[in-house]
């Protein structure tokens, strides 16, 4: 990870979370409370998302052992179905946050993240296809069985 990624990625998340809290206050003031309570569903989605994201990052961390420099295809979890399951669970995680907040800004954040991660996962799949001749072409980029 480069230093600019190390600095700017967490700052981006901090900015988004800060804006979500600000937007939540504005939405309550101008739009009132939502008529449907999506908070319990949001909590479940967030917990599933963060657990799946952590698990797949754990699998990625186990790919290289003892300072090995060689690339290999990830296995286990949802890696048999999609190239970037950690991105898939990140979208689920932020969808949970949007359901908890129930504001237009929160759902816009999810949409922006989704489209950004779609591009990154398609690019990652393309890289795997070029790097490994035997890479399974049936694996989807981001969403199991769909995309």
C-alpha atoms as a PDB file:
ATOM      1  CA  UNK A   1       0.000   0.000   0.000  1.00  0.00           C
ATOM      2  CA  UNK A   2       1.423   3.357  -0.994  1.00  0.00           C
ATOM      3  CA  UNK A   3       1.616   6.240   1.467  1.00  0.00           C
ATOM      4  CA  UNK A   4      -1.025   8.293  -0.365  1.00  0.00           C
ATOM      5  CA  UNK A   5      -3.474   5.376  -0.187  1.00  0.00           C
ATOM      6  CA  UNK A   6      -2.559   4.850   3.462  1.00  0.00           C
ATOM      7  CA  UNK A   7      -3.373   8.495   4.238  1.00  0.00           C
ATOM      8  CA  UNK A   8      -6.245   9.400   1.912  1.00  0.00           C
ATOM      9  CA  UNK A   9      -8.358   6.237   2.087  1.00  0.00           C
ATOM     10  CA  UNK A  10      -8.971   6.459   5.869  1.00  0.00           C
ATOM     11  CA  UNK A  11      -9.488  10.225   5.570  1.00  0.00           C
ATOM     12  CA  UNK A  12     -12.145   9.564   2.934  1.00  0.00           C
ATOM     13  CA  UNK A  13     -13.964   7.192   5.264  1.00  0.00           C
ATOM     14  CA  UNK A  14     -13.747   9.697   8.130  1.00  0.00           C
ATOM     15  CA  UNK A  15     -15.146  12.409   5.829  1.00  0.00           C
ATOM     16  CA  UNK A  16     -18.043  10.166   4.745  1.00  0.00           C
ATOM     17  CA  UNK A  17     -18.924   9.181   8.325  1.00  0.00           C
ATOM     18  CA  UNK A  18     -18.779  12.818   9.452  1.00  0.00           C
ATOM     19  CA  UNK A  19     -21.043  13.845   6.604  1.00  0.00           C
ATOM     20  CA  UNK A  20     -23.454  11.017   7.389  1.00  0.00           C
ATOM     21  CA  UNK A  21     -23.842  12.295  10.958  1.00  0.00           C
ATOM     22  CA  UNK A  22     -24.303  15.876   9.721  1.00  0.00           C
ATOM     23  CA  UNK A  23     -26.804  14.749   7.085  1.00  0.00           C
ATOM     24  CA  UNK A  24     -28.696  12.732   9.680  1.00  0.00           C
ATOM     25  CA  UNK A  25     -29.174  15.875  11.783  1.00  0.00           C
ATOM     26  CA  UNK A  26     -30.288  17.933   8.765  1.00  0.00           C
ATOM     27  CA  UNK A  27     -32.654  15.238   7.534  1.00  0.00           C
ATOM     28  CA  UNK A  28     -34.386  14.932  10.901  1.00  0.00           C
ATOM     29  CA  UNK A  29     -34.778  18.705  11.036  1.00  0.00           C
ATOM     30  CA  UNK A  30     -36.137  19.152   7.495  1.00  0.00           C
ATOM     31  CA  UNK A  31     -37.606  15.766   6.529  1.00  0.00           C
ATOM     32  CA  UNK A  32     -38.716  14.445   9.909  1.00  0.00           C
ATOM     33  CA  UNK A  33     -38.333  10.863  11.078  1.00  0.00           C
ATOM     34  CA  UNK A  34     -38.738   8.089   8.496  1.00  0.00           C
ATOM     35  CA  UNK A  35     -42.101   6.298   8.530  1.00  0.00           C
ATOM     36  CA  UNK A  36     -40.491   2.839   8.298  1.00  0.00           C
ATOM     37  CA  UNK A  37     -37.913   1.728  10.858  1.00  0.00           C
ATOM     38  CA  UNK A  38     -35.051   0.112   8.923  1.00  0.00           C
ATOM     39  CA  UNK A  39     -32.560   0.271  11.791  1.00  0.00           C
ATOM     40  CA  UNK A  40     -32.775  -3.440  12.814  1.00  0.00           C
ATOM     41  CA  UNK A  41     -32.301  -4.548   9.191  1.00  0.00           C
ATOM     42  CA  UNK A  42     -29.450  -2.053   8.852  1.00  0.00           C
ATOM     43  CA  UNK A  43     -27.697  -3.440  11.918  1.00  0.00           C
ATOM     44  CA  UNK A  44     -27.970  -6.996  10.564  1.00  0.00           C
ATOM     45  CA  UNK A  45     -26.653  -5.940   7.139  1.00  0.00           C
ATOM     46  CA  UNK A  46     -23.802  -4.005   8.730  1.00  0.00           C
ATOM     47  CA  UNK A  47     -22.783  -6.956  10.911  1.00  0.00           C
ATOM     48  CA  UNK A  48     -22.948  -9.421   7.992  1.00  0.00           C
ATOM     49  CA  UNK A  49     -20.980  -6.988   5.821  1.00  0.00           C
ATOM     50  CA  UNK A  50     -18.229  -6.248   8.312  1.00  0.00           C
ATOM     51  CA  UNK A  51     -17.861  -9.931   9.241  1.00  0.00           C
ATOM     52  CA  UNK A  52     -17.661 -11.039   5.599  1.00  0.00           C
ATOM     53  CA  UNK A  53     -15.256  -8.222   4.756  1.00  0.00           C
ATOM     54  CA  UNK A  54     -12.980  -9.135   7.667  1.00  0.00           C
ATOM     55  CA  UNK A  55     -13.079 -12.859   6.831  1.00  0.00           C
ATOM     56  CA  UNK A  56     -12.126 -12.346   3.193  1.00  0.00           C
ATOM     57  CA  UNK A  57      -9.341  -9.928   4.128  1.00  0.00           C
ATOM     58  CA  UNK A  58      -8.110 -12.625   6.506  1.00  0.00           C
ATOM     59  CA  UNK A  59      -8.078 -15.130   3.623  1.00  0.00           C
ATOM     60  CA  UNK A  60      -6.144 -12.627   1.495  1.00  0.00           C
ATOM     61  CA  UNK A  61      -3.610 -12.110   4.286  1.00  0.00           C
ATOM     62  CA  UNK A  62      -2.892 -15.858   4.347  1.00  0.00           C
ATOM     63  CA  UNK A  63      -2.006 -16.035   0.620  1.00  0.00           C
ATOM     64  CA  UNK A  64       1.692 -15.261   0.996  1.00  0.00           C
ATOM     65  CA  UNK A  65       3.645 -17.141   3.597  1.00  0.00           C
ATOM     66  CA  UNK A  66       7.143 -16.353   4.892  1.00  0.00           C
ATOM     67  CA  UNK A  67       7.793 -13.333   2.671  1.00  0.00           C
ATOM     68  CA  UNK A  68       6.820 -15.127  -0.530  1.00  0.00           C
ATOM     69  CA  UNK A  69       6.675 -12.756  -3.532  1.00  0.00           C
ATOM     70  CA  UNK A  70       4.688 -14.912  -5.966  1.00  0.00           C
ATOM     71  CA  UNK A  71       1.067 -14.057  -6.823  1.00  0.00           C
ATOM     72  CA  UNK A  72      -1.613 -16.720  -6.451  1.00  0.00           C
ATOM     73  CA  UNK A  73      -5.365 -16.957  -6.915  1.00  0.00           C
ATOM     74  CA  UNK A  74      -7.324 -16.581  -3.647  1.00  0.00           C
ATOM     75  CA  UNK A  75      -9.355 -19.598  -2.509  1.00  0.00           C
ATOM     76  CA  UNK A  76     -12.034 -20.164   0.123  1.00  0.00           C
ATOM     77  CA  UNK A  77     -15.078 -18.223   1.200  1.00  0.00           C
ATOM     78  CA  UNK A  78     -16.800 -16.584  -1.743  1.00  0.00           C
ATOM     79  CA  UNK A  79     -13.569 -16.439  -3.771  1.00  0.00           C
ATOM     80  CA  UNK A  80     -14.875 -19.439  -5.730  1.00  0.00           C
ATOM     81  CA  UNK A  81     -17.763 -17.291  -6.975  1.00  0.00           C
ATOM     82  CA  UNK A  82     -16.432 -13.735  -7.208  1.00  0.00           C
ATOM     83  CA  UNK A  83     -13.051 -12.113  -7.659  1.00  0.00           C
ATOM     84  CA  UNK A  84     -13.532  -9.507  -4.916  1.00  0.00           C
ATOM     85  CA  UNK A  85     -15.869 -10.806  -2.200  1.00  0.00           C
ATOM     86  CA  UNK A  86     -14.405  -8.297   0.256  1.00  0.00           C
ATOM     87  CA  UNK A  87     -15.785  -5.512  -1.984  1.00  0.00           C
ATOM     88  CA  UNK A  88     -19.163  -7.265  -2.090  1.00  0.00           C
ATOM     89  CA  UNK A  89     -19.310  -7.336   1.704  1.00  0.00           C
ATOM     90  CA  UNK A  90     -18.139  -3.719   1.896  1.00  0.00           C
ATOM     91  CA  UNK A  91     -21.154  -2.706  -0.185  1.00  0.00           C
ATOM     92  CA  UNK A  92     -23.414  -4.730   2.151  1.00  0.00           C
ATOM     93  CA  UNK A  93     -21.758  -3.051   5.127  1.00  0.00           C
ATOM     94  CA  UNK A  94     -22.425   0.454   3.798  1.00  0.00           C
ATOM     95  CA  UNK A  95     -25.942  -0.514   2.728  1.00  0.00           C
ATOM     96  CA  UNK A  96     -26.505  -1.379   6.394  1.00  0.00           C
ATOM     97  CA  UNK A  97     -25.232   2.062   7.394  1.00  0.00           C
ATOM     98  CA  UNK A  98     -27.606   3.644   4.859  1.00  0.00           C
ATOM     99  CA  UNK A  99     -30.540   1.676   6.289  1.00  0.00           C
ATOM    100  CA  UNK A 100     -29.593   2.842   9.775  1.00  0.00           C
ATOM    101  CA  UNK A 101     -29.297   6.506   8.705  1.00  0.00           C
ATOM    102  CA  UNK A 102     -32.218   6.440   6.233  1.00  0.00           C
ATOM    103  CA  UNK A 103     -31.138   9.635   4.500  1.00  0.00           C
ATOM    104  CA  UNK A 104     -30.728  10.423   0.797  1.00  0.00           C
ATOM    105  CA  UNK A 105     -27.035  11.198   1.301  1.00  0.00           C
ATOM    106  CA  UNK A 106     -26.400   7.789   2.872  1.00  0.00           C
ATOM    107  CA  UNK A 107     -27.950   5.997  -0.099  1.00  0.00           C
ATOM    108  CA  UNK A 108     -25.946   8.207  -2.492  1.00  0.00           C
ATOM    109  CA  UNK A 109     -22.767   7.131  -0.677  1.00  0.00           C
ATOM    110  CA  UNK A 110     -23.744   3.480  -1.187  1.00  0.00           C
ATOM    111  CA  UNK A 111     -24.388   4.096  -4.892  1.00  0.00           C
ATOM    112  CA  UNK A 112     -21.034   5.866  -5.348  1.00  0.00           C
ATOM    113  CA  UNK A 113     -19.199   3.113  -3.493  1.00  0.00           C
ATOM    114  CA  UNK A 114     -21.004   0.416  -5.465  1.00  0.00           C
ATOM    115  CA  UNK A 115     -20.101   1.891  -8.848  1.00  0.00           C
ATOM    116  CA  UNK A 116     -16.517   2.557  -7.763  1.00  0.00           C
ATOM    117  CA  UNK A 117     -16.083  -0.985  -6.490  1.00  0.00           C
ATOM    118  CA  UNK A 118     -17.702  -2.441  -9.629  1.00  0.00           C
ATOM    119  CA  UNK A 119     -14.997  -0.747 -11.692  1.00  0.00           C
ATOM    120  CA  UNK A 120     -12.225  -1.919  -9.393  1.00  0.00           C
ATOM    121  CA  UNK A 121     -13.493  -5.500  -9.283  1.00  0.00           C
ATOM    122  CA  UNK A 122     -13.869  -5.685 -13.087  1.00  0.00           C
ATOM    123  CA  UNK A 123     -10.315  -4.379 -13.392  1.00  0.00           C
ATOM    124  CA  UNK A 124      -9.108  -6.957 -10.854  1.00  0.00           C
ATOM    125  CA  UNK A 125     -10.848  -9.765 -12.743  1.00  0.00           C
ATOM    126  CA  UNK A 126      -9.215  -8.604 -15.973  1.00  0.00           C
ATOM    127  CA  UNK A 127      -5.803  -8.591 -14.255  1.00  0.00           C
ATOM    128  CA  UNK A 128      -6.329 -12.145 -12.945  1.00  0.00           C
ATOM    129  CA  UNK A 129      -7.398 -13.338 -16.412  1.00  0.00           C
ATOM    130  CA  UNK A 130      -4.183 -11.921 -17.926  1.00  0.00           C
ATOM    131  CA  UNK A 131      -1.891 -13.058 -15.114  1.00  0.00           C
ATOM    132  CA  UNK A 132      -3.196 -16.637 -14.741  1.00  0.00           C
ATOM    133  CA  UNK A 133      -4.027 -18.678 -17.837  1.00  0.00           C
ATOM    134  CA  UNK A 134      -6.041 -21.193 -15.816  1.00  0.00           C
ATOM    135  CA  UNK A 135      -8.100 -18.559 -13.978  1.00  0.00           C
ATOM    136  CA  UNK A 136     -11.749 -19.713 -13.870  1.00  0.00           C
ATOM    137  CA  UNK A 137     -13.698 -17.527 -16.296  1.00  0.00           C
ATOM    138  CA  UNK A 138     -17.021 -18.332 -14.578  1.00  0.00           C
ATOM    139  CA  UNK A 139     -16.079 -16.212 -11.537  1.00  0.00           C
ATOM    140  CA  UNK A 140     -18.027 -12.994 -11.430  1.00  0.00           C
ATOM    141  CA  UNK A 141     -16.395  -9.672 -10.595  1.00  0.00           C
ATOM    142  CA  UNK A 142     -18.434  -8.494  -7.594  1.00  0.00           C
ATOM    143  CA  UNK A 143     -21.885 -10.039  -7.067  1.00  0.00           C
ATOM    144  CA  UNK A 144     -22.163 -13.851  -6.911  1.00  0.00           C
ATOM    145  CA  UNK A 145     -24.009 -15.342  -9.922  1.00  0.00           C
ATOM    146  CA  UNK A 146     -24.786 -11.882 -11.393  1.00  0.00           C
ATOM    147  CA  UNK A 147     -21.859  -9.564 -12.086  1.00  0.00           C
END
